[in-house]
Amino acid sequence: MTSPPARLHSSRRAGSPGRVPAVHGLGLSALLLAGVLYGSVAWSAVRVGDATFVYELEAHANAMASLEEEFISSIDSASDEERFNLYRTYNQLAGTWLQVDLLEALLAASIEAAPICDEEEIRTTLRDQVQFTRAELDHAVVDLEHNVAAIKRYDHLRLNNALRSLLSSVRATVDRMVIDQRPPAHCDTGP
């Protein structure tokens, strides 16, 4: 039996840093009143789509964690010949998922950025990362599609289909992020 590979998904879960907290009931009214009275306190505004993107990326990460457990189990039960191909696929997916994790981290950083110039700088990096992640997701989906012909076991085929479906879903989220990331306004850096 071989040792399990490194994990694809981030270890961040609900309630951890980088998550947009939900505001309920009277808390929202108090927050709005504070924002009106003390406008300078709320320096950085969360863009309309950001909360949706955070939610979707976290949901995708949770789905990937479940599929990852299945994938590791498949690797453990596979023959030597199958195991090599499964490890190769797993490693490729790990690289793609690291890009998704970085995208999620940059989104969280842009939401938390206080001075507008810091947010704009992070948003520029986020815009570039969104485009790179989109290309990585395309490549991963194509690789999984090419692997279909070589898959002999039903459980591996089902896992391949589930992974392609998840990556396509992540790609749809990233596509919306590409549209949402507009070029930043210019900040004055001083005299």
N, C-alpha and C. Protein backbone atom coordinates (compact mmCIF):
# COMPACT_ATOMS: atom_id res chain seq x y z
N MET A 1 0.85 -1.17 0.00
CA MET A 1 0.00 0.00 0.00
C MET A 1 0.89 1.24 0.00
N THR A 2 0.51 2.23 -0.80
CA THR A 2 1.31 3.44 -0.92
C THR A 2 0.77 4.52 0.00
N SER A 3 1.61 5.50 0.27
CA SER A 3 1.18 6.60 1.13
C SER A 3 0.25 7.51 0.33
N PRO A 4 -0.73 8.12 1.00
CA PRO A 4 -1.67 8.98 0.28
C PRO A 4 -0.98 10.24 -0.21
N PRO A 5 -1.40 10.72 -1.38
CA PRO A 5 -0.80 11.94 -1.92
C PRO A 5 -1.25 13.17 -1.14
N ALA A 6 -0.58 14.28 -1.40
CA ALA A 6 -0.94 15.54 -0.76
C ALA A 6 -2.37 15.91 -1.15
N ARG A 7 -3.02 16.69 -0.31
CA ARG A 7 -4.42 17.04 -0.51
C ARG A 7 -4.60 18.09 -1.60
N LEU A 8 -5.68 17.96 -2.37
CA LEU A 8 -6.01 18.92 -3.42
C LEU A 8 -6.66 20.18 -2.88
N HIS A 9 -7.53 20.04 -1.92
CA HIS A 9 -8.34 21.16 -1.46
C HIS A 9 -7.68 21.87 -0.30
N SER A 10 -8.12 23.12 -0.12
CA SER A 10 -7.58 23.88 1.01
C SER A 10 -8.22 23.38 2.29
N SER A 11 -7.56 23.64 3.39
CA SER A 11 -8.07 23.19 4.68
C SER A 11 -9.03 24.20 5.28
N ARG A 12 -9.28 25.29 4.59
CA ARG A 12 -10.17 26.32 5.08
C ARG A 12 -11.60 25.82 5.06
N ARG A 13 -12.30 26.04 6.10
CA ARG A 13 -13.70 25.62 6.23
C ARG A 13 -14.53 26.77 6.76
N ALA A 14 -15.80 26.54 6.89
CA ALA A 14 -16.73 27.55 7.36
C ALA A 14 -16.23 28.17 8.67
N GLY A 15 -16.30 29.49 8.73
CA GLY A 15 -15.91 30.19 9.94
C GLY A 15 -14.44 30.52 10.00
N SER A 16 -13.68 30.14 9.00
CA SER A 16 -12.25 30.40 9.02
C SER A 16 -11.96 31.73 8.35
N PRO A 17 -10.73 32.25 8.50
CA PRO A 17 -10.38 33.53 7.89
C PRO A 17 -10.60 33.50 6.39
N GLY A 18 -10.98 34.62 5.83
CA GLY A 18 -11.19 34.71 4.41
C GLY A 18 -12.65 34.49 4.03
N ARG A 19 -13.46 34.12 4.97
CA ARG A 19 -14.87 33.86 4.68
C ARG A 19 -15.66 35.13 4.98
N VAL A 20 -16.62 35.47 4.12
CA VAL A 20 -17.45 36.64 4.33
C VAL A 20 -18.53 36.26 5.33
N PRO A 21 -18.55 36.91 6.52
CA PRO A 21 -19.53 36.53 7.54
C PRO A 21 -20.94 36.98 7.13
N ALA A 22 -21.92 36.23 7.49
CA ALA A 22 -23.31 36.58 7.22
C ALA A 22 -23.80 37.51 8.33
N VAL A 23 -24.57 38.50 7.97
CA VAL A 23 -25.13 39.44 8.93
C VAL A 23 -26.63 39.20 8.95
N HIS A 24 -27.21 38.97 10.14
CA HIS A 24 -28.62 38.62 10.24
C HIS A 24 -29.38 39.64 11.08
N GLY A 25 -30.69 39.73 10.84
CA GLY A 25 -31.61 40.48 11.67
C GLY A 25 -31.24 41.93 11.85
N LEU A 26 -31.26 42.37 13.08
CA LEU A 26 -31.00 43.77 13.40
C LEU A 26 -29.56 44.16 13.15
N GLY A 27 -28.69 43.18 13.07
CA GLY A 27 -27.27 43.47 12.83
C GLY A 27 -27.06 44.21 11.52
N LEU A 28 -27.86 43.89 10.51
CA LEU A 28 -27.73 44.55 9.21
C LEU A 28 -28.11 46.02 9.33
N SER A 29 -29.20 46.31 10.04
CA SER A 29 -29.63 47.70 10.23
C SER A 29 -28.55 48.50 10.97
N ALA A 30 -28.00 47.89 12.01
CA ALA A 30 -26.95 48.57 12.78
C ALA A 30 -25.72 48.82 11.91
N LEU A 31 -25.39 47.85 11.08
CA LEU A 31 -24.24 47.98 10.19
C LEU A 31 -24.46 49.09 9.17
N LEU A 32 -25.65 49.16 8.60
CA LEU A 32 -25.96 50.22 7.64
C LEU A 32 -25.92 51.60 8.30
N LEU A 33 -26.49 51.71 9.50
CA LEU A 33 -26.48 52.96 10.22
C LEU A 33 -25.04 53.40 10.53
N ALA A 34 -24.22 52.46 10.97
CA ALA A 34 -22.82 52.78 11.26
C ALA A 34 -22.10 53.24 9.99
N GLY A 35 -22.42 52.61 8.87
CA GLY A 35 -21.80 53.00 7.62
C GLY A 35 -22.18 54.40 7.19
N VAL A 36 -23.44 54.78 7.44
CA VAL A 36 -23.90 56.12 7.10
C VAL A 36 -23.25 57.15 8.03
N LEU A 37 -23.26 56.86 9.32
CA LEU A 37 -22.72 57.80 10.30
C LEU A 37 -21.20 57.91 10.24
N TYR A 38 -20.55 56.80 9.99
CA TYR A 38 -19.08 56.76 9.99
C TYR A 38 -18.59 56.18 8.67
N GLY A 39 -18.80 56.93 7.60
CA GLY A 39 -18.45 56.47 6.25
C GLY A 39 -17.00 56.08 6.10
N SER A 40 -16.11 56.74 6.82
CA SER A 40 -14.69 56.42 6.68
C SER A 40 -14.33 55.06 7.27
N VAL A 41 -15.17 54.55 8.20
CA VAL A 41 -14.89 53.25 8.79
C VAL A 41 -15.01 52.15 7.75
N ALA A 42 -16.00 52.27 6.89
CA ALA A 42 -16.23 51.26 5.85
C ALA A 42 -15.48 51.69 4.59
N TRP A 43 -14.17 51.65 4.62
CA TRP A 43 -13.32 52.14 3.54
C TRP A 43 -13.42 51.28 2.29
N SER A 44 -13.34 49.99 2.42
CA SER A 44 -13.38 49.09 1.27
C SER A 44 -14.76 48.45 1.16
N ALA A 45 -15.36 48.56 0.00
CA ALA A 45 -16.69 47.99 -0.21
C ALA A 45 -16.56 46.65 -0.91
N VAL A 46 -17.39 45.72 -0.49
CA VAL A 46 -17.42 44.41 -1.14
C VAL A 46 -18.22 44.56 -2.41
N ARG A 47 -17.69 44.13 -3.51
CA ARG A 47 -18.41 44.18 -4.77
C ARG A 47 -19.60 43.24 -4.72
N VAL A 48 -20.58 43.55 -5.51
CA VAL A 48 -21.83 42.79 -5.49
C VAL A 48 -21.61 41.30 -5.70
N GLY A 49 -20.82 40.89 -6.66
CA GLY A 49 -20.64 39.47 -6.96
C GLY A 49 -19.67 38.74 -6.06
N ASP A 50 -18.89 39.47 -5.27
CA ASP A 50 -17.85 38.84 -4.46
C ASP A 50 -18.39 37.79 -3.50
N ALA A 51 -19.46 38.12 -2.80
CA ALA A 51 -20.02 37.17 -1.83
C ALA A 51 -20.47 35.90 -2.54
N THR A 52 -21.05 36.04 -3.72
CA THR A 52 -21.47 34.87 -4.50
C THR A 52 -20.27 34.04 -4.91
N PHE A 53 -19.21 34.71 -5.36
CA PHE A 53 -18.01 33.98 -5.78
C PHE A 53 -17.38 33.23 -4.60
N VAL A 54 -17.32 33.88 -3.43
CA VAL A 54 -16.77 33.24 -2.24
C VAL A 54 -17.59 32.00 -1.91
N TYR A 55 -18.90 32.15 -1.91
CA TYR A 55 -19.79 31.03 -1.59
C TYR A 55 -19.60 29.88 -2.59
N GLU A 56 -19.58 30.20 -3.88
CA GLU A 56 -19.43 29.17 -4.90
C GLU A 56 -18.08 28.47 -4.82
N LEU A 57 -17.01 29.24 -4.62
CA LEU A 57 -15.69 28.62 -4.53
C LEU A 57 -15.59 27.71 -3.31
N GLU A 58 -16.19 28.11 -2.20
CA GLU A 58 -16.18 27.25 -1.01
C GLU A 58 -17.00 25.98 -1.25
N ALA A 59 -18.13 26.11 -1.93
CA ALA A 59 -18.95 24.93 -2.25
C ALA A 59 -18.17 23.99 -3.18
N HIS A 60 -17.47 24.56 -4.14
CA HIS A 60 -16.64 23.73 -5.04
C HIS A 60 -15.52 23.04 -4.27
N ALA A 61 -14.92 23.75 -3.32
CA ALA A 61 -13.84 23.15 -2.51
C ALA A 61 -14.37 21.99 -1.69
N ASN A 62 -15.57 22.13 -1.14
CA ASN A 62 -16.17 21.04 -0.37
C ASN A 62 -16.46 19.83 -1.27
N ALA A 63 -16.98 20.10 -2.46
CA ALA A 63 -17.25 19.00 -3.41
C ALA A 63 -15.94 18.32 -3.82
N MET A 64 -14.89 19.12 -4.02
CA MET A 64 -13.59 18.54 -4.39
C MET A 64 -13.04 17.69 -3.26
N ALA A 65 -13.25 18.10 -2.04
CA ALA A 65 -12.77 17.31 -0.90
C ALA A 65 -13.42 15.93 -0.89
N SER A 66 -14.71 15.87 -1.18
CA SER A 66 -15.40 14.57 -1.24
C SER A 66 -14.87 13.71 -2.37
N LEU A 67 -14.71 14.32 -3.54
CA LEU A 67 -14.19 13.56 -4.68
C LEU A 67 -12.74 13.13 -4.46
N GLU A 68 -12.00 13.96 -3.74
CA GLU A 68 -10.62 13.62 -3.46
C GLU A 68 -10.52 12.35 -2.62
N GLU A 69 -11.39 12.23 -1.64
CA GLU A 69 -11.40 11.01 -0.81
C GLU A 69 -11.67 9.78 -1.67
N GLU A 70 -12.63 9.90 -2.58
CA GLU A 70 -12.92 8.80 -3.51
C GLU A 70 -11.71 8.50 -4.39
N PHE A 71 -11.06 9.55 -4.87
CA PHE A 71 -9.91 9.39 -5.76
C PHE A 71 -8.78 8.65 -5.04
N ILE A 72 -8.51 9.06 -3.81
CA ILE A 72 -7.45 8.40 -3.03
C ILE A 72 -7.80 6.94 -2.79
N SER A 73 -9.05 6.68 -2.52
CA SER A 73 -9.50 5.30 -2.34
C SER A 73 -9.31 4.49 -3.63
N SER A 74 -9.61 5.10 -4.76
CA SER A 74 -9.41 4.43 -6.05
C SER A 74 -7.94 4.14 -6.31
N ILE A 75 -7.09 5.07 -5.95
CA ILE A 75 -5.65 4.86 -6.12
C ILE A 75 -5.20 3.67 -5.27
N ASP A 76 -5.66 3.63 -4.03
CA ASP A 76 -5.28 2.55 -3.12
C ASP A 76 -5.73 1.18 -3.60
N SER A 77 -6.89 1.12 -4.25
CA SER A 77 -7.42 -0.18 -4.68
C SER A 77 -7.06 -0.54 -6.12
N ALA A 78 -6.35 0.32 -6.81
CA ALA A 78 -6.03 0.09 -8.22
C ALA A 78 -4.85 -0.85 -8.39
N SER A 79 -4.80 -1.46 -9.57
CA SER A 79 -3.64 -2.29 -9.93
C SER A 79 -2.45 -1.35 -10.16
N ASP A 80 -1.25 -1.93 -10.26
CA ASP A 80 -0.05 -1.10 -10.46
C ASP A 80 -0.16 -0.25 -11.73
N GLU A 81 -0.65 -0.86 -12.80
CA GLU A 81 -0.77 -0.14 -14.08
C GLU A 81 -1.76 1.02 -13.94
N GLU A 82 -2.90 0.76 -13.33
CA GLU A 82 -3.91 1.80 -13.15
C GLU A 82 -3.43 2.86 -12.16
N ARG A 83 -2.71 2.45 -11.15
CA ARG A 83 -2.26 3.37 -10.11
C ARG A 83 -1.38 4.47 -10.69
N PHE A 84 -0.48 4.11 -11.60
CA PHE A 84 0.39 5.11 -12.21
C PHE A 84 -0.44 6.20 -12.89
N ASN A 85 -1.43 5.79 -13.71
CA ASN A 85 -2.26 6.76 -14.42
C ASN A 85 -3.10 7.59 -13.46
N LEU A 86 -3.58 6.96 -12.40
CA LEU A 86 -4.37 7.69 -11.42
C LEU A 86 -3.52 8.72 -10.67
N TYR A 87 -2.30 8.34 -10.30
CA TYR A 87 -1.39 9.30 -9.65
C TYR A 87 -1.08 10.47 -10.58
N ARG A 88 -0.85 10.17 -11.85
CA ARG A 88 -0.55 11.23 -12.82
C ARG A 88 -1.73 12.21 -12.92
N THR A 89 -2.92 11.65 -13.02
CA THR A 89 -4.11 12.49 -13.09
C THR A 89 -4.29 13.29 -11.80
N TYR A 90 -4.06 12.64 -10.68
CA TYR A 90 -4.19 13.30 -9.38
C TYR A 90 -3.21 14.48 -9.28
N ASN A 91 -1.99 14.27 -9.70
CA ASN A 91 -0.99 15.34 -9.65
C ASN A 91 -1.38 16.52 -10.55
N GLN A 92 -1.91 16.22 -11.73
CA GLN A 92 -2.36 17.29 -12.63
C GLN A 92 -3.51 18.07 -11.99
N LEU A 93 -4.43 17.34 -11.38
CA LEU A 93 -5.56 18.00 -10.73
C LEU A 93 -5.09 18.84 -9.53
N ALA A 94 -4.08 18.37 -8.83
CA ALA A 94 -3.56 19.12 -7.68
C ALA A 94 -3.03 20.47 -8.14
N GLY A 95 -2.33 20.50 -9.25
CA GLY A 95 -1.81 21.76 -9.79
C GLY A 95 -2.94 22.71 -10.16
N THR A 96 -3.96 22.18 -10.79
CA THR A 96 -5.12 23.00 -11.16
C THR A 96 -5.82 23.53 -9.92
N TRP A 97 -6.00 22.64 -8.93
CA TRP A 97 -6.73 23.06 -7.74
C TRP A 97 -5.94 24.07 -6.91
N LEU A 98 -4.63 24.03 -6.96
CA LEU A 98 -3.82 25.06 -6.28
C LEU A 98 -4.11 26.43 -6.88
N GLN A 99 -4.33 26.48 -8.19
CA GLN A 99 -4.66 27.75 -8.83
C GLN A 99 -6.03 28.26 -8.36
N VAL A 100 -6.97 27.34 -8.19
CA VAL A 100 -8.29 27.72 -7.68
C VAL A 100 -8.17 28.23 -6.24
N ASP A 101 -7.36 27.56 -5.42
CA ASP A 101 -7.13 28.01 -4.05
C ASP A 101 -6.50 29.41 -4.02
N LEU A 102 -5.54 29.66 -4.90
CA LEU A 102 -4.91 30.98 -4.97
C LEU A 102 -5.94 32.02 -5.39
N LEU A 103 -6.79 31.67 -6.32
CA LEU A 103 -7.85 32.57 -6.75
C LEU A 103 -8.77 32.93 -5.58
N GLU A 104 -9.13 31.93 -4.80
CA GLU A 104 -9.99 32.14 -3.63
C GLU A 104 -9.28 33.04 -2.61
N ALA A 105 -8.00 32.83 -2.39
CA ALA A 105 -7.23 33.64 -1.44
C ALA A 105 -7.13 35.10 -1.91
N LEU A 106 -6.91 35.31 -3.20
CA LEU A 106 -6.83 36.67 -3.74
C LEU A 106 -8.18 37.37 -3.65
N LEU A 107 -9.25 36.63 -3.89
CA LEU A 107 -10.58 37.22 -3.76
C LEU A 107 -10.82 37.66 -2.32
N ALA A 108 -10.47 36.82 -1.36
CA ALA A 108 -10.62 37.17 0.05
C ALA A 108 -9.75 38.38 0.40
N ALA A 109 -8.54 38.43 -0.10
CA ALA A 109 -7.65 39.56 0.17
C ALA A 109 -8.20 40.85 -0.43
N SER A 110 -8.79 40.77 -1.61
CA SER A 110 -9.34 41.98 -2.22
C SER A 110 -10.56 42.49 -1.46
N ILE A 111 -11.33 41.57 -0.90
CA ILE A 111 -12.49 41.95 -0.10
C ILE A 111 -12.04 42.63 1.19
N GLU A 112 -10.96 42.13 1.80
CA GLU A 112 -10.48 42.64 3.08
C GLU A 112 -9.56 43.84 2.96
N ALA A 113 -9.14 44.20 1.74
CA ALA A 113 -8.21 45.31 1.55
C ALA A 113 -8.85 46.61 2.01
N ALA A 114 -8.10 47.38 2.82
CA ALA A 114 -8.66 48.62 3.37
C ALA A 114 -8.45 49.81 2.44
N PRO A 115 -7.25 50.26 2.20
CA PRO A 115 -7.10 51.40 1.29
C PRO A 115 -7.47 50.99 -0.13
N ILE A 116 -8.14 51.88 -0.83
CA ILE A 116 -8.62 51.59 -2.18
C ILE A 116 -7.46 51.23 -3.12
N CYS A 117 -6.29 51.83 -2.92
CA CYS A 117 -5.15 51.51 -3.78
C CYS A 117 -4.68 50.07 -3.57
N ASP A 118 -4.73 49.60 -2.32
CA ASP A 118 -4.38 48.20 -2.05
C ASP A 118 -5.37 47.27 -2.74
N GLU A 119 -6.65 47.61 -2.65
CA GLU A 119 -7.67 46.79 -3.29
C GLU A 119 -7.45 46.74 -4.80
N GLU A 120 -7.14 47.89 -5.39
CA GLU A 120 -6.95 47.94 -6.84
C GLU A 120 -5.75 47.08 -7.26
N GLU A 121 -4.69 47.12 -6.48
CA GLU A 121 -3.51 46.31 -6.79
C GLU A 121 -3.85 44.82 -6.71
N ILE A 122 -4.57 44.44 -5.66
CA ILE A 122 -4.96 43.04 -5.50
C ILE A 122 -5.94 42.64 -6.60
N ARG A 123 -6.86 43.54 -6.95
CA ARG A 123 -7.83 43.25 -8.02
C ARG A 123 -7.13 43.04 -9.36
N THR A 124 -6.06 43.77 -9.61
CA THR A 124 -5.29 43.56 -10.84
C THR A 124 -4.68 42.16 -10.85
N THR A 125 -4.09 41.77 -9.73
CA THR A 125 -3.52 40.42 -9.61
C THR A 125 -4.62 39.38 -9.71
N LEU A 126 -5.76 39.64 -9.08
CA LEU A 126 -6.90 38.73 -9.14
C LEU A 126 -7.38 38.55 -10.57
N ARG A 127 -7.47 39.64 -11.32
CA ARG A 127 -7.91 39.57 -12.72
C ARG A 127 -6.97 38.67 -13.53
N ASP A 128 -5.67 38.81 -13.32
CA ASP A 128 -4.70 37.96 -14.02
C ASP A 128 -4.83 36.50 -13.58
N GLN A 129 -5.02 36.29 -12.28
CA GLN A 129 -5.16 34.93 -11.75
C GLN A 129 -6.44 34.26 -12.27
N VAL A 130 -7.50 35.03 -12.41
CA VAL A 130 -8.75 34.48 -12.94
C VAL A 130 -8.51 33.94 -14.35
N GLN A 131 -7.81 34.70 -15.17
CA GLN A 131 -7.54 34.26 -16.54
C GLN A 131 -6.63 33.03 -16.57
N PHE A 132 -5.62 33.00 -15.71
CA PHE A 132 -4.72 31.85 -15.66
C PHE A 132 -5.46 30.60 -15.16
N THR A 133 -6.27 30.78 -14.13
CA THR A 133 -7.04 29.66 -13.58
C THR A 133 -8.00 29.11 -14.62
N ARG A 134 -8.60 29.98 -15.39
CA ARG A 134 -9.52 29.55 -16.46
C ARG A 134 -8.77 28.65 -17.45
N ALA A 135 -7.57 29.04 -17.83
CA ALA A 135 -6.77 28.23 -18.76
C ALA A 135 -6.40 26.87 -18.14
N GLU A 136 -6.04 26.88 -16.85
CA GLU A 136 -5.71 25.63 -16.15
C GLU A 136 -6.92 24.69 -16.09
N LEU A 137 -8.09 25.25 -15.82
CA LEU A 137 -9.31 24.44 -15.77
C LEU A 137 -9.62 23.84 -17.14
N ASP A 138 -9.46 24.63 -18.19
CA ASP A 138 -9.66 24.11 -19.56
C ASP A 138 -8.75 22.92 -19.82
N HIS A 139 -7.49 23.09 -19.46
CA HIS A 139 -6.50 22.03 -19.69
C HIS A 139 -6.86 20.77 -18.90
N ALA A 140 -7.27 20.93 -17.65
CA ALA A 140 -7.61 19.78 -16.80
C ALA A 140 -8.83 19.03 -17.35
N VAL A 141 -9.84 19.77 -17.80
CA VAL A 141 -11.04 19.13 -18.36
C VAL A 141 -10.69 18.36 -19.62
N VAL A 142 -9.88 18.95 -20.48
CA VAL A 142 -9.47 18.26 -21.72
C VAL A 142 -8.68 17.00 -21.39
N ASP A 143 -7.77 17.07 -20.42
CA ASP A 143 -7.00 15.88 -20.02
C ASP A 143 -7.92 14.77 -19.51
N LEU A 144 -8.91 15.13 -18.70
CA LEU A 144 -9.84 14.13 -18.20
C LEU A 144 -10.67 13.53 -19.34
N GLU A 145 -11.05 14.34 -20.31
CA GLU A 145 -11.79 13.84 -21.46
C GLU A 145 -10.95 12.86 -22.28
N HIS A 146 -9.67 13.15 -22.42
CA HIS A 146 -8.77 12.26 -23.17
C HIS A 146 -8.54 10.94 -22.45
N ASN A 147 -8.64 10.95 -21.12
CA ASN A 147 -8.42 9.74 -20.32
C ASN A 147 -9.59 8.77 -20.39
N VAL A 148 -10.75 9.22 -20.82
CA VAL A 148 -11.95 8.39 -20.79
C VAL A 148 -11.75 7.08 -21.56
N ALA A 149 -11.13 7.14 -22.71
CA ALA A 149 -10.96 5.95 -23.55
C ALA A 149 -10.11 4.88 -22.87
N ALA A 150 -9.17 5.28 -22.03
CA ALA A 150 -8.27 4.33 -21.39
C ALA A 150 -8.83 3.76 -20.08
N ILE A 151 -9.92 4.30 -19.59
CA ILE A 151 -10.48 3.85 -18.31
C ILE A 151 -11.23 2.54 -18.51
N LYS A 152 -10.87 1.55 -17.68
CA LYS A 152 -11.46 0.22 -17.81
C LYS A 152 -12.48 -0.08 -16.73
N ARG A 153 -12.34 0.54 -15.58
CA ARG A 153 -13.24 0.24 -14.46
C ARG A 153 -14.35 1.29 -14.37
N TYR A 154 -15.55 0.79 -14.06
CA TYR A 154 -16.71 1.68 -13.96
C TYR A 154 -16.52 2.75 -12.89
N ASP A 155 -15.99 2.38 -11.73
CA ASP A 155 -15.84 3.36 -10.66
C ASP A 155 -14.86 4.47 -11.04
N HIS A 156 -13.83 4.13 -11.82
CA HIS A 156 -12.90 5.17 -12.27
C HIS A 156 -13.57 6.07 -13.31
N LEU A 157 -14.41 5.47 -14.16
CA LEU A 157 -15.13 6.26 -15.16
C LEU A 157 -16.11 7.22 -14.48
N ARG A 158 -16.82 6.72 -13.49
CA ARG A 158 -17.76 7.56 -12.74
C ARG A 158 -17.03 8.71 -12.05
N LEU A 159 -15.87 8.43 -11.47
CA LEU A 159 -15.07 9.46 -10.81
C LEU A 159 -14.57 10.49 -11.82
N ASN A 160 -14.13 10.02 -12.98
CA ASN A 160 -13.67 10.91 -14.04
C ASN A 160 -14.81 11.85 -14.46
N ASN A 161 -16.00 11.29 -14.64
CA ASN A 161 -17.16 12.10 -15.02
C ASN A 161 -17.50 13.12 -13.94
N ALA A 162 -17.45 12.70 -12.69
CA ALA A 162 -17.74 13.62 -11.57
C ALA A 162 -16.71 14.74 -11.51
N LEU A 163 -15.45 14.41 -11.72
CA LEU A 163 -14.40 15.43 -11.70
C LEU A 163 -14.57 16.42 -12.86
N ARG A 164 -14.88 15.90 -14.05
CA ARG A 164 -15.10 16.79 -15.20
C ARG A 164 -16.29 17.71 -14.94
N SER A 165 -17.33 17.16 -14.36
CA SER A 165 -18.51 17.97 -14.05
C SER A 165 -18.17 19.07 -13.04
N LEU A 166 -17.45 18.71 -11.99
CA LEU A 166 -17.06 19.70 -10.98
C LEU A 166 -16.16 20.77 -11.58
N LEU A 167 -15.15 20.36 -12.33
CA LEU A 167 -14.24 21.34 -12.94
C LEU A 167 -14.97 22.25 -13.92
N SER A 168 -15.96 21.71 -14.63
CA SER A 168 -16.76 22.54 -15.53
C SER A 168 -17.58 23.55 -14.74
N SER A 169 -18.06 23.14 -13.59
CA SER A 169 -18.82 24.04 -12.71
C SER A 169 -17.91 25.14 -12.17
N VAL A 170 -16.71 24.77 -11.76
CA VAL A 170 -15.74 25.76 -11.29
C VAL A 170 -15.41 26.72 -12.43
N ARG A 171 -15.26 26.16 -13.63
CA ARG A 171 -14.95 26.99 -14.80
C ARG A 171 -16.06 28.01 -15.05
N ALA A 172 -17.33 27.62 -14.85
CA ALA A 172 -18.45 28.56 -15.02
C ALA A 172 -18.35 29.70 -14.00
N THR A 173 -17.99 29.37 -12.77
CA THR A 173 -17.79 30.41 -11.75
C THR A 173 -16.66 31.34 -12.16
N VAL A 174 -15.57 30.76 -12.61
CA VAL A 174 -14.41 31.56 -13.01
C VAL A 174 -14.75 32.42 -14.23
N ASP A 175 -15.56 31.89 -15.16
CA ASP A 175 -15.99 32.69 -16.31
C ASP A 175 -16.74 33.94 -15.87
N ARG A 176 -17.61 33.79 -14.86
CA ARG A 176 -18.34 34.96 -14.35
C ARG A 176 -17.38 35.92 -13.65
N MET A 177 -16.35 35.39 -13.03
CA MET A 177 -15.36 36.26 -12.38
C MET A 177 -14.57 37.05 -13.42
N VAL A 178 -14.30 36.44 -14.58
CA VAL A 178 -13.58 37.14 -15.66
C VAL A 178 -14.39 38.36 -16.07
N ILE A 179 -15.68 38.18 -16.22
CA ILE A 179 -16.55 39.28 -16.64
C ILE A 179 -16.62 40.35 -15.56
N ASP A 180 -16.65 39.95 -14.30
CA ASP A 180 -16.82 40.88 -13.19
C ASP A 180 -15.56 41.70 -12.89
N GLN A 181 -14.41 41.22 -13.25
CA GLN A 181 -13.16 41.91 -12.91
C GLN A 181 -12.86 42.99 -13.95
N ARG A 182 -13.30 44.18 -13.65
CA ARG A 182 -13.05 45.30 -14.55
C ARG A 182 -11.69 45.93 -14.23
N PRO A 183 -11.08 46.57 -15.22
CA PRO A 183 -9.79 47.22 -14.93
C PRO A 183 -9.94 48.24 -13.82
N PRO A 184 -8.94 48.31 -12.93
CA PRO A 184 -9.02 49.23 -11.79
C PRO A 184 -8.85 50.68 -12.20
N ALA A 185 -9.45 51.58 -11.39
CA ALA A 185 -9.21 53.01 -11.56
C ALA A 185 -7.79 53.28 -11.06
N HIS A 186 -7.23 54.38 -11.51
CA HIS A 186 -5.86 54.68 -11.11
C HIS A 186 -5.83 55.39 -9.76
N CYS A 187 -4.89 55.00 -8.93
CA CYS A 187 -4.70 55.63 -7.62
C CYS A 187 -3.55 56.62 -7.71
N ASP A 188 -3.70 57.71 -7.00
CA ASP A 188 -2.58 58.64 -6.87
C ASP A 188 -1.63 58.07 -5.84
N THR A 189 -0.35 58.00 -6.20
CA THR A 189 0.65 57.47 -5.27
C THR A 189 1.38 58.57 -4.54
N GLY A 190 0.99 59.82 -4.79
CA GLY A 190 1.65 60.92 -4.07
C GLY A 190 2.35 61.85 -5.02
N PRO A 191 2.94 62.94 -4.52
CA PRO A 191 3.59 63.96 -5.37
C PRO A 191 4.86 63.47 -5.98
